Each structure stands twice: as structure tokens, then as C-alpha cells.
C-alpha atoms as a PDB file:
ATOM      1  CA  MET A   1      38.561  22.726  -0.737  1.00  0.00           C
ATOM      2  CA  THR A   2      39.906  19.790  -1.436  1.00  0.00           C
ATOM      3  CA  LEU A   3      38.560  17.453  -3.999  1.00  0.00           C
ATOM      4  CA  THR A   4      38.938  13.556  -4.325  1.00  0.00           C
ATOM      5  CA  HIS A   5      39.977  12.163  -7.413  1.00  0.00           C
ATOM      6  CA  ASP A   6      38.099   8.526  -6.572  1.00  0.00           C
ATOM      7  CA  GLN A   7      38.781   6.279  -9.769  1.00  0.00           C
ATOM      8  CA  GLY A   8      34.772   6.468 -10.285  1.00  0.00           C
ATOM      9  CA  GLN A   9      34.636  10.052 -10.478  1.00  0.00           C
ATOM     10  CA  LYS A  10      35.676  11.792 -14.447  1.00  0.00           C
ATOM     11  CA  GLY A  11      37.285  14.637 -12.953  1.00  0.00           C
ATOM     12  CA  PRO A  12      36.518  18.352 -11.094  1.00  0.00           C
ATOM     13  CA  TRP A  13      33.460  18.309 -13.674  1.00  0.00           C
ATOM     14  CA  SER A  14      32.060  15.529 -12.365  1.00  0.00           C
ATOM     15  CA  SER A  15      28.528  15.929 -10.504  1.00  0.00           C
ATOM     16  CA  SER A  16      29.833  16.407  -7.544  1.00  0.00           C
ATOM     17  CA  PRO A  17      27.763  18.871  -5.714  1.00  0.00           C
ATOM     18  CA  ALA A  18      30.746  20.397  -3.842  1.00  0.00           C
ATOM     19  CA  LEU A  19      32.133  22.160  -6.484  1.00  0.00           C
ATOM     20  CA  ASP A  20      30.592  24.916  -7.955  1.00  0.00           C
ATOM     21  CA  PRO A  21      29.521  25.025 -11.031  1.00  0.00           C
ATOM     22  CA  LEU A  22      31.333  27.678 -12.927  1.00  0.00           C
ATOM     23  CA  ALA A  23      34.419  26.106 -11.513  1.00  0.00           C
ATOM     24  CA  ARG A  24      33.273  22.698 -13.467  1.00  0.00           C
ATOM     25  CA  ASP A  25      32.925  24.974 -16.821  1.00  0.00           C
ATOM     26  CA  VAL A  26      36.357  26.578 -16.377  1.00  0.00           C
ATOM     27  CA  ALA A  27      37.632  23.260 -15.739  1.00  0.00           C
ATOM     28  CA  THR A  28      35.870  21.768 -18.859  1.00  0.00           C
ATOM     29  CA  VAL A  29      37.182  24.608 -21.165  1.00  0.00           C
ATOM     30  CA  LEU A  30      41.339  23.887 -19.562  1.00  0.00           C
ATOM     31  CA  LYS A  31      40.998  20.235 -20.859  1.00  0.00           C
ATOM     32  CA  SER A  32      39.615  21.119 -24.046  1.00  0.00           C
ATOM     33  CA  MET A  33      42.052  23.281 -24.382  1.00  0.00           C
ATOM     34  CA  GLY A  34      44.796  20.836 -23.209  1.00  0.00           C
ATOM     35  CA  GLY A  35      45.208  21.584 -20.062  1.00  0.00           C
ATOM     36  CA  SER A  36      45.941  25.153 -20.090  1.00  0.00           C
ATOM     37  CA  ALA A  37      45.223  28.558 -21.276  1.00  0.00           C
ATOM     38  CA  HIS A  38      45.152  32.078 -20.463  1.00  0.00           C
ATOM     39  CA  GLN A  39      42.764  33.837 -18.530  1.00  0.00           C
ATOM     40  CA  THR A  40      40.842  35.749 -20.977  1.00  0.00           C
ATOM     41  CA  VAL A  41      40.525  32.744 -23.521  1.00  0.00           C
ATOM     42  CA  VAL A  42      38.853  30.983 -20.270  1.00  0.00           C
ATOM     43  CA  VAL A  43      36.235  33.804 -19.672  1.00  0.00           C
ATOM     44  CA  ASP A  44      35.792  33.561 -23.925  1.00  0.00           C
ATOM     45  CA  CYS A  45      34.871  30.080 -23.467  1.00  0.00           C
ATOM     46  CA  VAL A  46      33.220  30.031 -20.646  1.00  0.00           C
ATOM     47  CA  ALA A  47      30.943  32.811 -21.707  1.00  0.00           C
ATOM     48  CA  ALA A  48      30.277  31.334 -24.915  1.00  0.00           C
ATOM     49  CA  MET A  49      29.206  27.755 -23.087  1.00  0.00           C
ATOM     50  CA  LYS A  50      26.851  29.584 -21.172  1.00  0.00           C
ATOM     51  CA  ARG A  51      25.202  31.360 -24.074  1.00  0.00           C
ATOM     52  CA  GLN A  52      25.214  28.382 -26.088  1.00  0.00           C
ATOM     53  CA  ARG A  53      23.080  26.893 -23.067  1.00  0.00           C
ATOM     54  CA  GLY A  54      21.026  29.532 -22.776  1.00  0.00           C
ATOM     55  CA  GLU A  55      22.055  31.037 -19.541  1.00  0.00           C
ATOM     56  CA  SER A  56      22.846  34.883 -19.203  1.00  0.00           C
ATOM     57  CA  ILE A  57      26.232  36.649 -18.741  1.00  0.00           C
ATOM     58  CA  THR A  58      26.925  38.865 -15.936  1.00  0.00           C
ATOM     59  CA  GLN A  59      29.403  41.636 -16.489  1.00  0.00           C
ATOM     60  CA  ASP A  60      31.133  40.304 -13.115  1.00  0.00           C
ATOM     61  CA  LEU A  61      31.903  36.859 -14.913  1.00  0.00           C
ATOM     62  CA  ALA A  62      35.569  37.597 -15.610  1.00  0.00           C
ATOM     63  CA  ALA A  63      36.109  38.855 -11.673  1.00  0.00           C
ATOM     64  CA  ARG A  64      33.823  35.606 -10.641  1.00  0.00           C
ATOM     65  CA  ILE A  65      35.981  33.049 -12.916  1.00  0.00           C
ATOM     66  CA  VAL A  66      39.263  34.930 -11.227  1.00  0.00           C
ATOM     67  CA  GLU A  67      37.853  34.125  -7.847  1.00  0.00           C
ATOM     68  CA  VAL A  68      37.293  30.731  -8.896  1.00  0.00           C
ATOM     69  CA  PHE A  69      40.621  29.957  -9.740  1.00  0.00           C
ATOM     70  CA  GLU A  70      41.962  31.248  -6.401  1.00  0.00           C
ATOM     71  CA  ARG A  71      39.222  29.459  -4.347  1.00  0.00           C
ATOM     72  CA  TYR A  72      39.994  25.880  -6.186  1.00  0.00           C
ATOM     73  CA  ARG A  73      43.824  26.140  -6.168  1.00  0.00           C
ATOM     74  CA  ASP A  74      43.744  22.289  -5.958  1.00  0.00           C
ATOM     75  CA  LEU A  75      42.426  21.906  -9.227  1.00  0.00           C
ATOM     76  CA  PHE A  76      43.775  25.079 -11.127  1.00  0.00           C
ATOM     77  CA  PHE A  77      47.252  27.024 -10.613  1.00  0.00           C
ATOM     78  CA  ARG A  78      49.420  29.260 -12.471  1.00  0.00           C
ATOM     79  CA  PRO A  79      52.182  27.720 -14.538  1.00  0.00           C
ATOM     80  CA  PHE A  80      54.475  30.484 -15.237  1.00  0.00           C
ATOM     81  CA  GLY A  81      54.364  31.644 -11.736  1.00  0.00           C
ATOM     82  CA  GLU A  82      52.219  34.170 -10.016  1.00  0.00           C
ATOM     83  CA  GLY A  83      52.378  37.019 -12.200  1.00  0.00           C
ATOM     84  CA  SER A  84      50.897  35.064 -14.996  1.00  0.00           C
ATOM     85  CA  GLN A  85      47.460  35.059 -16.364  1.00  0.00           C
ATOM     86  CA  ARG A  86      48.014  31.567 -17.599  1.00  0.00           C
ATOM     87  CA  TRP A  87      46.482  28.982 -15.426  1.00  0.00           C
ATOM     88  CA  ALA A  88      46.315  25.121 -15.653  1.00  0.00           C
ATOM     89  CA  LEU A  89      44.655  21.904 -14.449  1.00  0.00           C
ATOM     90  CA  ALA A  90      46.720  20.872 -11.234  1.00  0.00           C
ATOM     91  CA  PRO A  91      48.486  17.670 -12.083  1.00  0.00           C
ATOM     92  CA  GLY A  92      46.302  14.162 -11.619  1.00  0.00           C
ATOM     93  CA  VAL A  93      43.030  16.624 -11.957  1.00  0.00           C
ATOM     94  CA  ALA A  94      42.415  15.990 -15.641  1.00  0.00           C
END
């Protein structure tokens, strides 16, 4: 999936209907952390955001977030290589 970044958009966390809401949450967390963070920190922050909104947290949240990272490789990448658990927003996405 490719997400174009037009000048009128606010980034991947905008109201684009094609983007998974979980991917929007992940992008929001990464942006708030300066563009990159360890996978467990992202999971914890997304869980906190969901709780704050009154949403339920499922046991598979961490696995679903990893799936989002992998599915949206045009938005997220591993800045320290494939063995790392650190993720970042792709250049030009933020």
C-alpha cells in the first residue's frame, strides 16, 4: 500500500479512510517520540491512547502493531536494520 503525501494532508495520521486506524495511532506515537521508538514503547503508548479513548485492549495488540509496521513499510522502517525492534517514520512522512 502506498500513501501519497499531498500538501493538504497532515500526514499518515490524517483522516484518510484507506489507512488502518491502528497505523494512525502508531504514526502519532512515533511522531510524538521524535520520529522513532522501540517497539515495546510504541505498544505501551498505543495501549494508553486506546484506554484514554475508552477502547478495549486485546491481548493481541502487540502482534497487531507489528503487523501494521510490516504492512505499511512505506510509512515505517527499522532504522537499525531488520534485527532491531526500533521503528521509525519513513523520511518525508512526518
